[in-house]
Protein backbone atom coordinates (compact mmCIF):
# COMPACT_ATOMS: atom_id res chain seq x y z
CA MET A 1 -65.53 7.43 -30.87
CA THR A 2 -68.01 9.99 -32.27
CA ASP A 3 -67.09 13.68 -32.55
CA THR A 4 -66.73 15.43 -29.73
CA ALA A 5 -67.94 18.59 -30.93
CA ASP A 6 -71.77 19.58 -30.46
CA MET A 7 -72.71 23.16 -30.91
CA THR A 8 -76.54 22.37 -30.66
CA ALA A 9 -76.24 20.66 -27.07
CA LYS A 10 -78.31 22.70 -24.38
CA PRO A 11 -78.31 22.20 -20.74
CA PHE A 12 -80.97 20.03 -19.14
CA ARG A 13 -84.10 22.37 -18.40
CA LEU A 14 -84.46 20.61 -14.80
CA ASP A 15 -86.72 22.27 -12.43
CA GLU A 16 -83.73 23.45 -10.18
CA LYS A 17 -85.48 26.23 -8.34
CA ALA A 18 -88.14 23.65 -6.73
CA PHE A 19 -85.12 21.50 -5.99
CA LEU A 20 -83.34 24.02 -4.27
CA ASP A 21 -85.99 25.30 -2.52
CA THR A 22 -87.27 21.83 -1.12
CA LEU A 23 -83.11 20.99 -0.32
CA GLY A 24 -82.89 24.70 1.40
CA GLU A 25 -86.03 23.72 3.54
CA LEU A 26 -84.22 20.13 4.47
CA ILE A 27 -81.21 21.96 5.24
CA GLU A 28 -82.86 24.54 7.65
CA ARG A 29 -85.20 21.92 9.42
CA PHE A 30 -81.95 19.43 9.65
CA ASP A 31 -80.19 22.58 11.41
CA LEU A 32 -81.55 21.72 14.48
CA TYR A 33 -79.29 18.62 14.62
CA GLY A 34 -76.48 19.91 12.65
CA SER A 35 -75.88 22.95 15.17
CA GLY A 36 -75.87 20.88 17.77
CA ALA A 37 -79.11 22.36 19.18
CA CYS A 38 -81.03 18.94 19.46
CA PHE A 39 -78.27 18.08 22.27
CA ALA A 40 -79.06 20.97 24.43
CA ILE A 41 -82.83 20.27 23.89
CA VAL A 42 -82.29 16.80 25.03
CA ASP A 43 -80.17 17.68 28.02
CA LYS A 44 -82.69 19.90 29.28
CA ALA A 45 -85.48 17.70 28.78
CA ARG A 46 -83.55 14.91 30.48
CA ARG A 47 -82.54 17.68 33.89
CA GLU A 48 -86.25 18.90 33.76
CA ASN A 49 -87.75 15.61 33.90
CA GLY A 50 -85.56 13.19 35.39
CA LEU A 51 -85.36 11.23 32.34
CA GLU A 52 -82.55 8.67 31.91
CA GLY A 53 -81.11 6.37 28.81
CA PRO A 54 -81.40 7.55 24.94
CA LEU A 55 -84.07 10.23 23.74
CA SER A 56 -84.41 11.18 20.25
CA LEU A 57 -86.10 14.62 18.42
CA PHE A 58 -87.63 12.79 15.54
CA ASP A 59 -88.78 15.45 12.83
CA ASP A 60 -91.53 13.97 10.63
CA GLU A 61 -90.80 16.77 7.81
CA VAL A 62 -87.15 16.08 7.52
CA ALA A 63 -88.01 12.46 7.11
CA ASP A 64 -90.77 13.56 4.24
CA LEU A 65 -88.36 16.25 2.58
CA ALA A 66 -85.37 13.80 2.57
CA GLY A 67 -87.65 11.09 0.65
CA GLU A 68 -88.76 13.63 -1.74
CA LEU A 69 -85.25 14.38 -2.30
CA PHE A 70 -83.10 11.42 -2.40
CA THR A 71 -85.30 8.54 -3.06
CA GLY A 72 -83.58 5.78 -4.30
CA SER A 73 -80.53 5.70 -2.22
CA THR A 74 -80.15 5.36 1.92
CA TRP A 75 -79.46 9.06 2.48
CA PRO A 76 -83.13 9.34 3.80
CA SER A 77 -82.29 6.41 5.98
CA ASN A 78 -79.26 7.80 7.31
CA LEU A 79 -81.35 11.24 8.17
CA MET A 80 -83.79 9.42 10.10
CA PHE A 81 -80.85 7.50 11.96
CA ASP A 82 -79.30 10.58 12.90
CA MET A 83 -82.75 12.05 14.44
CA ILE A 84 -82.75 9.01 16.60
CA ALA A 85 -79.14 7.90 17.39
CA LEU A 86 -77.88 11.41 17.79
CA ASP A 87 -74.41 10.49 16.30
CA LYS A 88 -72.27 13.61 16.38
CA GLU A 89 -69.93 12.53 13.84
CA GLN A 90 -72.74 10.99 11.41
CA ILE A 91 -74.76 14.12 11.87
CA ALA A 92 -71.94 16.53 10.73
CA PHE A 93 -70.95 14.33 7.96
CA ASP A 94 -74.84 14.29 6.49
CA ALA A 95 -75.09 18.31 7.12
CA ARG A 96 -71.99 18.38 5.01
CA PHE A 97 -73.50 15.96 2.17
CA LEU A 98 -76.66 18.40 2.04
CA ALA A 99 -74.45 21.65 2.16
CA GLU A 100 -72.39 20.22 -0.66
CA CYS A 101 -75.12 19.34 -2.80
CA ASP A 102 -77.08 22.56 -2.77
CA ALA A 103 -73.40 24.37 -3.17
CA MET A 104 -72.69 22.13 -6.36
CA VAL A 105 -76.42 22.46 -7.90
CA ARG A 106 -76.45 26.13 -7.22
CA ARG A 107 -73.08 26.58 -8.89
CA HIS A 108 -73.32 23.96 -11.86
CA GLY A 109 -76.70 22.56 -11.97
CA MET A 110 -78.19 19.33 -11.14
CA SER A 111 -76.90 17.46 -14.38
CA VAL A 112 -73.32 18.19 -13.10
CA TRP A 113 -73.95 17.32 -9.62
CA LEU A 114 -75.77 14.00 -10.93
CA TYR A 115 -73.02 13.15 -13.23
CA GLU A 116 -70.34 13.82 -10.49
CA LEU A 117 -72.26 11.86 -7.91
CA ILE A 118 -72.11 8.64 -10.33
CA ASN A 119 -68.41 9.17 -11.60
CA ASP A 120 -67.40 9.41 -7.96
CA ALA A 121 -69.31 5.95 -7.32
CA ALA A 122 -67.61 4.49 -10.48
CA VAL A 123 -64.25 5.44 -9.56
CA SER A 124 -64.40 4.19 -6.26
CA MET A 125 -65.60 0.53 -7.74
CA ALA A 126 -62.89 1.00 -10.22
CA THR A 127 -59.93 1.71 -7.95
CA GLY A 128 -61.36 -0.52 -4.90
CA MET A 129 -61.07 2.74 -2.66
CA PRO A 130 -63.91 4.14 -0.86
CA SER A 131 -65.40 7.35 -1.51
CA ARG A 132 -65.57 10.11 0.92
CA ARG A 133 -69.23 10.98 0.15
CA MET A 134 -70.21 7.22 0.69
CA PRO A 135 -73.03 7.24 3.38
CA PHE A 136 -72.36 5.91 6.89
CA GLN A 137 -75.05 3.74 6.54
CA LEU A 138 -75.19 2.14 2.86
CA GLY A 139 -78.14 -0.43 3.03
CA LEU A 140 -77.13 -3.08 5.80
CA HIS A 141 -73.49 -1.64 5.44
CA ASP A 142 -71.95 0.57 8.14
CA THR A 143 -69.32 1.97 5.75
CA ARG A 144 -67.04 2.88 8.49
CA GLU A 145 -66.75 -0.57 9.64
CA VAL A 146 -66.36 -2.12 6.29
CA PHE A 147 -63.47 0.24 5.52
CA ARG A 148 -61.77 0.61 8.91
CA THR A 149 -58.15 -0.02 8.51
CA ILE A 150 -55.95 -1.73 10.92
CA LYS A 151 -53.14 0.95 11.54
CA LYS A 152 -50.25 -1.42 12.70
CA LYS A 153 -50.67 -3.53 9.46
CA ARG A 154 -51.69 -0.76 7.26
CA ARG A 155 -54.46 -2.49 5.74
CA PHE A 156 -58.17 -3.02 5.95
CA ALA A 157 -59.79 -4.90 8.35
CA HIS A 158 -62.44 -6.36 6.21
CA GLY A 159 -61.90 -8.80 3.05
CA ARG A 160 -62.16 -7.45 -0.48
CA LYS A 161 -65.20 -9.19 -1.34
CA LYS A 162 -67.17 -7.21 1.60
CA ARG A 163 -65.64 -3.75 0.33
CA ASN A 164 -66.69 -4.51 -3.38
CA GLU A 165 -70.08 -5.54 -2.40
CA CYS A 166 -70.40 -2.15 -0.27
CA MET A 167 -68.81 -0.18 -3.03
CA ALA A 168 -71.04 -2.15 -5.96
CA GLU A 169 -74.00 -1.17 -3.64
CA TYR A 170 -73.26 2.35 -3.45
CA LEU A 171 -72.81 2.52 -7.16
CA ARG A 172 -76.44 1.04 -7.90
CA GLN A 173 -77.86 3.30 -5.30
CA THR A 174 -76.34 6.50 -7.62
CA TYR A 175 -77.63 5.06 -10.65
CA ARG A 176 -81.03 4.61 -8.99
CA MET A 177 -81.36 7.90 -7.15
CA ALA A 178 -79.99 9.99 -10.29
CA ALA A 179 -82.84 8.26 -12.33
CA TYR A 180 -85.70 9.07 -9.70
CA THR A 181 -84.23 12.90 -9.52
CA LEU A 182 -84.51 12.97 -13.41
CA VAL A 183 -88.07 12.11 -13.52
CA ARG A 184 -89.19 13.75 -10.42
CA TRP A 185 -87.79 16.98 -10.92
CA GLY A 186 -87.52 16.75 -14.71
CA GLY A 187 -89.47 20.22 -15.16
CA GLY A 188 -90.75 19.01 -18.49
CA GLU A 189 -87.00 18.23 -19.88
CA PRO A 190 -87.81 15.43 -22.72
CA ARG A 191 -84.20 13.91 -22.22
CA ALA A 192 -84.53 13.54 -18.33
CA ALA A 193 -87.06 10.50 -18.65
CA ASP A 194 -84.73 8.86 -21.65
CA THR A 195 -81.70 9.45 -19.51
CA ALA A 196 -83.18 7.76 -16.05
CA LEU A 197 -84.42 5.03 -18.14
CA MET A 198 -80.83 4.25 -19.86
CA LEU A 199 -79.66 4.69 -16.04
CA LEU A 200 -81.80 2.14 -14.97
CA ALA A 201 -81.35 -0.48 -17.86
CA TYR A 202 -77.85 0.48 -19.00
CA GLY A 203 -76.42 1.82 -15.82
CA GLY A 204 -72.97 3.65 -17.21
CA LEU A 205 -74.41 4.54 -20.52
CA GLY A 206 -77.03 6.28 -18.34
CA MET A 207 -74.34 8.76 -16.82
CA CYS A 208 -73.02 9.18 -20.14
CA MET A 209 -76.08 10.78 -21.69
CA LEU A 210 -75.40 13.35 -18.91
CA ARG A 211 -72.86 15.02 -21.10
CA ASP A 212 -75.44 16.10 -23.44
CA ASP A 213 -75.61 18.67 -21.06
CA PRO A 214 -72.66 21.18 -22.13
CA ARG A 215 -72.06 22.21 -18.47
CA VAL A 216 -71.23 18.38 -17.68
CA VAL A 217 -68.31 18.61 -20.50
CA SER A 218 -67.30 21.77 -19.33
CA ARG A 219 -66.48 20.22 -15.99
CA GLY A 220 -63.79 18.07 -17.65
CA CYS A 221 -65.29 14.86 -18.33
CA ASP A 222 -64.23 12.22 -20.64
CA PRO A 223 -65.51 13.60 -24.28
CA ASP A 224 -66.38 10.59 -25.63
CA PHE A 225 -69.67 10.53 -27.20
CA GLY A 226 -70.26 6.66 -28.44
CA TYR A 227 -73.19 6.24 -26.16
CA ARG A 228 -75.24 8.36 -28.89
CA ASN A 229 -74.16 5.39 -31.28
CA VAL A 230 -76.13 3.06 -28.37
CA ARG A 231 -78.97 5.33 -27.97
CA ASP A 232 -79.51 5.56 -31.85
CA GLN A 233 -79.06 2.22 -32.60
CA LEU A 234 -81.59 1.10 -30.04
CA THR A 235 -83.89 3.97 -31.23
CA ALA A 236 -83.84 2.76 -34.70
CA LEU A 237 -84.58 -1.24 -33.49
CA ARG A 238 -87.62 0.24 -31.17
CA ILE A 239 -89.13 1.88 -34.23
CA ARG A 240 -88.92 -0.97 -36.60
CA ALA A 241 -90.39 -3.13 -33.97
CA ASP A 242 -93.31 -0.53 -33.83
CA LEU A 243 -93.67 -0.48 -37.41
CA GLU A 244 -93.74 -4.40 -37.47
CA TYR A 245 -96.52 -4.37 -34.50
CA ALA A 246 -98.82 -2.02 -36.07
CA SER A 247 -98.55 -3.60 -39.44
CA ASP A 248 -99.66 -7.00 -37.16
CA ALA A 249 -101.90 -5.15 -34.73
CA GLY A 250 -103.80 -3.72 -37.97
CA GLY A 251 -104.10 -6.88 -39.74
CA ASN A 252 -105.35 -8.73 -36.74
CA GLU A 253 -107.55 -6.52 -34.96
CA GLY A 254 -108.61 -4.09 -37.39
CA GLU A 255 -108.39 -1.01 -35.31
CA PHE A 256 -106.18 0.62 -32.76
CA LEU A 257 -106.79 0.07 -29.17
CA LYS A 258 -107.34 2.91 -26.67
CA TYR A 259 -105.43 3.80 -23.58
CA PRO A 260 -104.47 1.83 -21.51
CA ASP A 261 -105.67 -0.97 -23.52
CA CYS A 262 -102.96 -0.33 -26.33
CA MET A 263 -100.49 -0.96 -23.82
CA ASP A 264 -101.70 -4.13 -22.10
CA ALA A 265 -102.05 -5.59 -25.90
CA ARG A 266 -98.37 -4.49 -26.81
CA TYR A 267 -97.08 -6.22 -23.61
CA LEU A 268 -98.87 -9.33 -24.31
CA TYR A 269 -97.52 -9.33 -27.80
CA ASP A 270 -93.86 -8.47 -26.81
CA ALA A 271 -94.01 -11.36 -24.26
CA ARG A 272 -95.31 -13.84 -26.40
CA ARG A 273 -93.15 -12.92 -29.40
CA ILE A 274 -90.01 -12.79 -27.33
CA VAL A 275 -90.07 -16.36 -26.36
CA GLN A 276 -90.89 -17.41 -29.48
CA ALA A 277 -87.82 -15.55 -30.91
CA TYR A 278 -85.39 -17.16 -28.15
CA ARG A 279 -86.74 -20.86 -28.68
CA ALA A 280 -86.23 -20.12 -32.75
CA LEU A 281 -82.45 -19.14 -31.89
CA TRP A 282 -81.79 -21.94 -29.32
CA ASN A 283 -79.59 -23.97 -31.82
CA GLU A 284 -78.48 -20.84 -33.70
CA GLU A 285 -74.86 -19.40 -33.02
CA VAL A 286 -75.96 -15.77 -31.65
CA GLU A 287 -73.37 -12.58 -30.58
CA PRO A 288 -73.81 -11.64 -27.06
CA PHE A 289 -75.88 -8.73 -26.89
CA SER A 290 -72.88 -6.86 -24.90
CA ARG A 291 -70.57 -7.53 -27.67
CA VAL A 292 -73.10 -5.91 -29.92
CA LEU A 293 -73.40 -2.84 -27.77
CA ASP A 294 -69.50 -2.45 -27.27
CA ARG A 295 -69.24 -2.48 -31.22
CA VAL A 296 -71.62 0.10 -31.79
CA GLU A 297 -70.57 2.22 -28.94
CA SER A 298 -67.19 2.25 -30.60
CA GLU A 299 -67.73 1.83 -34.28
CA GLY A 300 -71.16 3.24 -34.92
CA THR A 301 -74.74 2.10 -35.87
CA TYR A 302 -75.80 -0.57 -38.06
CA GLU A 303 -78.72 -1.32 -40.53
CA ALA A 304 -81.53 -2.73 -38.36
CA GLY A 305 -82.49 -5.96 -40.04
CA ASP A 306 -84.96 -8.60 -38.48
CA VAL A 307 -85.54 -7.46 -35.01
CA TRP A 308 -86.45 -10.97 -33.80
CA LYS A 309 -82.89 -12.30 -34.38
CA ASP A 310 -81.00 -9.39 -33.18
CA PRO A 311 -79.65 -9.81 -29.69
CA LEU A 312 -79.27 -6.30 -28.83
CA TYR A 313 -83.20 -5.55 -29.74
CA LEU A 314 -84.03 -8.85 -27.67
CA HIS A 315 -82.02 -7.81 -24.73
CA ASP A 316 -83.78 -4.22 -24.76
CA LEU A 317 -87.02 -5.79 -25.20
CA ALA A 318 -86.54 -8.30 -22.34
CA VAL A 319 -85.63 -5.56 -19.86
CA SER A 320 -88.74 -3.56 -21.03
CA LEU A 321 -90.86 -6.64 -20.08
CA MET A 322 -89.16 -7.43 -16.77
CA GLY A 323 -86.58 -5.16 -15.51
CA ALA A 324 -83.12 -5.34 -15.45
CA SER A 325 -83.06 -7.80 -12.69
CA GLY A 326 -86.03 -9.47 -13.57
CA ALA A 327 -84.74 -10.46 -17.21
CA GLY A 328 -81.83 -12.27 -15.82
CA PRO A 329 -82.95 -15.95 -15.81
CA LEU A 330 -84.37 -15.65 -19.20
CA GLU A 331 -81.63 -13.66 -20.94
CA THR A 332 -78.73 -15.80 -19.33
CA GLY A 333 -80.60 -18.74 -19.66
CA PHE A 334 -80.82 -18.30 -23.42
CA ARG A 335 -76.99 -17.05 -23.66
CA LEU A 336 -75.52 -20.19 -21.74
CA ARG A 337 -78.02 -22.43 -23.43
CA ASP A 338 -79.42 -23.30 -19.83
CA LYS A 339 -82.48 -25.01 -20.39
CA ASP A 340 -83.84 -25.08 -16.83
CA MET A 341 -82.90 -21.43 -15.99
CA PHE A 342 -84.27 -20.20 -19.45
CA GLU A 343 -87.52 -22.26 -18.80
CA ASP A 344 -87.56 -20.38 -15.09
CA GLY A 345 -87.66 -17.04 -16.95
CA VAL A 346 -90.27 -18.07 -19.26
CA ARG A 347 -92.42 -19.18 -16.40
CA GLU A 348 -91.83 -15.74 -14.55
CA LEU A 349 -92.80 -13.64 -17.59
CA GLU A 350 -95.71 -15.82 -18.11
CA ARG A 351 -96.79 -14.95 -14.70
CA LEU A 352 -96.04 -11.10 -15.14
CA ALA A 353 -98.17 -11.52 -18.59
CA THR A 354 -101.04 -13.38 -16.65
CA ASN A 355 -101.07 -10.08 -14.40
CA VAL A 356 -101.41 -7.78 -17.46
CA ARG A 357 -104.05 -10.19 -18.84
CA ARG A 358 -106.27 -10.29 -15.80
CA GLY A 359 -105.84 -6.51 -14.71
CA GLY A 360 -104.05 -4.56 -17.18
CA LEU A 361 -100.78 -3.17 -17.19
CA LEU A 362 -101.07 -0.18 -14.81
CA PRO A 363 -102.50 -2.32 -11.86
CA SER A 364 -99.94 -4.98 -12.41
CA LEU A 365 -97.24 -2.71 -11.58
CA GLY A 366 -98.48 -1.94 -8.70
CA VAL A 367 -98.32 -5.52 -7.70
CA TYR A 368 -94.66 -4.89 -7.77
CA ILE A 369 -94.68 -2.51 -4.83
CA LEU A 370 -96.88 -4.96 -2.81
CA ALA A 371 -94.96 -7.76 -3.57
CA GLY A 372 -91.90 -6.09 -2.13
CA GLU A 373 -93.40 -5.24 1.47
CA PRO A 374 -92.82 -7.82 4.17
CA GLU A 375 -95.93 -9.33 5.58
CA ASP A 376 -94.84 -8.10 9.13
CA ARG A 377 -92.78 -4.78 9.10
CA MET A 378 -91.59 -5.37 12.79
CA GLU A 379 -90.93 -8.71 12.51
CA ALA A 380 -88.60 -7.90 9.22
CA ILE A 381 -86.84 -5.21 11.29
CA PHE A 382 -85.78 -7.53 13.94
CA ALA A 383 -84.73 -10.61 11.18
CA PRO A 384 -81.52 -12.06 11.24
CA ARG A 385 -79.17 -10.17 8.96
CA LYS A 386 -79.26 -12.60 6.38
CA GLU A 387 -83.09 -12.19 6.20
CA ARG A 388 -83.13 -8.52 6.32
CA LYS A 389 -80.65 -8.34 3.75
CA ARG A 390 -82.77 -10.64 1.09
CA LEU A 391 -86.01 -8.46 1.90
CA LEU A 392 -84.07 -5.25 1.32
CA VAL A 393 -82.61 -6.58 -2.26
CA SER A 394 -85.92 -7.96 -3.28
CA CYS A 395 -87.75 -4.72 -2.38
CA GLU A 396 -85.05 -2.44 -4.15
CA ALA A 397 -85.07 -4.75 -7.30
CA LEU A 398 -88.71 -5.00 -7.79
CA ALA A 399 -89.31 -0.97 -7.54
CA ASP A 400 -86.21 -0.56 -9.94
CA SER A 401 -88.02 -3.18 -12.16
CA ALA A 402 -91.52 -1.45 -11.82
CA ALA A 403 -90.05 1.85 -12.49
CA THR A 404 -88.27 0.70 -15.57
CA ILE A 405 -90.94 -1.32 -17.33
CA ALA A 406 -92.82 1.96 -16.51
CA LEU A 407 -90.06 4.37 -18.53
CA TYR A 408 -90.16 1.92 -21.27
CA ARG A 409 -93.88 1.25 -21.93
CA LEU A 410 -95.86 4.37 -20.15
CA PRO A 411 -96.29 7.57 -22.15
CA ARG A 412 -94.06 10.71 -21.32
CA ASP A 413 -97.27 12.87 -20.25
CA ARG A 414 -96.95 14.70 -16.81
CA THR A 415 -99.55 12.20 -15.19
CA SER A 416 -97.38 9.05 -16.15
CA LEU A 417 -94.42 10.76 -14.81
CA HIS A 418 -95.82 11.26 -11.68
CA THR A 419 -96.85 7.30 -11.39
CA ILE A 420 -93.24 6.33 -12.01
CA VAL A 421 -92.25 8.62 -9.33
CA ALA A 422 -94.58 6.81 -6.96
CA LEU A 423 -93.13 3.20 -8.36
CA PHE A 424 -89.85 4.74 -7.31
CA GLY A 425 -91.00 5.73 -3.91
CA ARG A 426 -93.23 2.51 -3.38
CA ASP A 427 -96.12 4.51 -2.66
CA LEU A 428 -98.75 2.54 -3.19
CA GLU A 429 -101.35 4.68 -2.04
CA GLY A 430 -100.30 7.32 -4.49
CA TYR A 431 -100.11 4.98 -7.74
CA ALA A 432 -103.54 3.82 -6.82
CA ARG A 433 -104.79 7.55 -6.97
CA LEU A 434 -103.02 8.44 -10.04
CA ILE A 435 -104.34 5.48 -12.28
CA ALA A 436 -107.48 5.43 -10.72
CA PRO A 437 -108.95 7.52 -13.80
CA PHE A 438 -107.82 4.78 -16.25
CA VAL A 439 -108.78 1.44 -14.50
CA GLU A 440 -112.18 0.60 -13.53
CA GLY A 441 -112.89 -0.13 -9.97
CA ILE A 442 -109.28 0.26 -9.09
CA GLY A 443 -108.17 -0.07 -5.36
CA GLU A 444 -105.11 -2.16 -4.15
CA PRO A 445 -103.55 -4.78 -6.37
CA ASP A 446 -104.77 -8.11 -5.77
CA ASP A 447 -102.18 -10.22 -3.76
CA GLU A 448 -104.21 -13.05 -3.19
CA ASP A 449 -102.63 -15.29 -5.94
CA GLU A 450 -99.23 -15.55 -4.95
CA GLU A 451 -97.99 -17.14 -8.34
CA THR A 452 -98.82 -14.19 -10.07
CA ALA A 453 -96.47 -11.71 -7.78
CA PRO A 454 -93.24 -10.92 -9.65
CA VAL A 455 -89.92 -12.25 -8.31
CA MET A 456 -86.46 -11.46 -8.76
CA GLY A 457 -83.99 -13.65 -10.39
């Protein structure tokens, strides 16, 4: 465990004013539903026009503001459902959520708010008990039904597997929403994007990085700062790999490429080298990266040697090339020495590299958005539950992968961060507009060649 005292730590400089202004506007507009005024309006419309059946008062501005604030979670969908279904219980619950978010950020800051949201979901997962903050609609789960209890038998109506699946989804969404929030409302805070990346790539370690804000520690969180060992170790490994690449590029190319060509060249170099490294290590005993990670967190950093034999670096590199979900077949196939699974991962990486070689990394990331969209939205809405679940999981995983790759490989200037926000929100039009100055003839990413579309393992 590392030293708990850190007199140099300073609060994250996030754009809390802009966040609270936007949240305040959402609360004000949603008050039409939360105050019950919407029911009087609907009743009056029914009486005056002789209308029967369900009516809705849908406010597009509420939907837009919810997306601006809570992308990555199903809170926007819950608020939209409120405006359509006019369910008094759910409207009251969601209005309380908005008010609690506002109070927490005003009183303690955004870092504390995000940390406690994630910690709440993690505790729920660890204890097997639902969180009171869990939204009613969580992806395709109706949490009221999933956690419904049978009073006479004093037990849950549904099995542990379904409840765990629901709580795991809640935790994933809090990681995703926190990562989006840090990028969207980062306000120039250099630690924000680094923490967002760790949330997407390493989950709980990203949550721990919020402890760099002393306001989080003052709230009584676990005073363990071992995550800094992991952060420092990954930084050392990445720097060593950067130096090796610079030496190779200087020797082979004779000059450094300009942006964005330099990103494309590095992606192709890394994609080629990681496959070579895994093949070279196939018959050797290699310590699992998770064991290395745990040891670094508890005992401290080690001297970086050959990065192409380092399991922690190879894991980190795989995620930077394919995203956490996309890297699964490649990594798991190697760890289990499952030849078929590994070759599936290699083929997927080769497809991604082909996209980069043909059009560049920036347009290739847009393909992730396009690939996640169903061909027919109405057909997707009314598809069987199993198919809707598959589409939803695929869409979210692709957006996560695109944002993760971008956080690893794009610079941290304002324009690049805006492009990452567009990837989080699956905003293809906005993304294309942002990268247009850097890509000749940019339009929508080409989806004619289905084989080059990314696939989640």
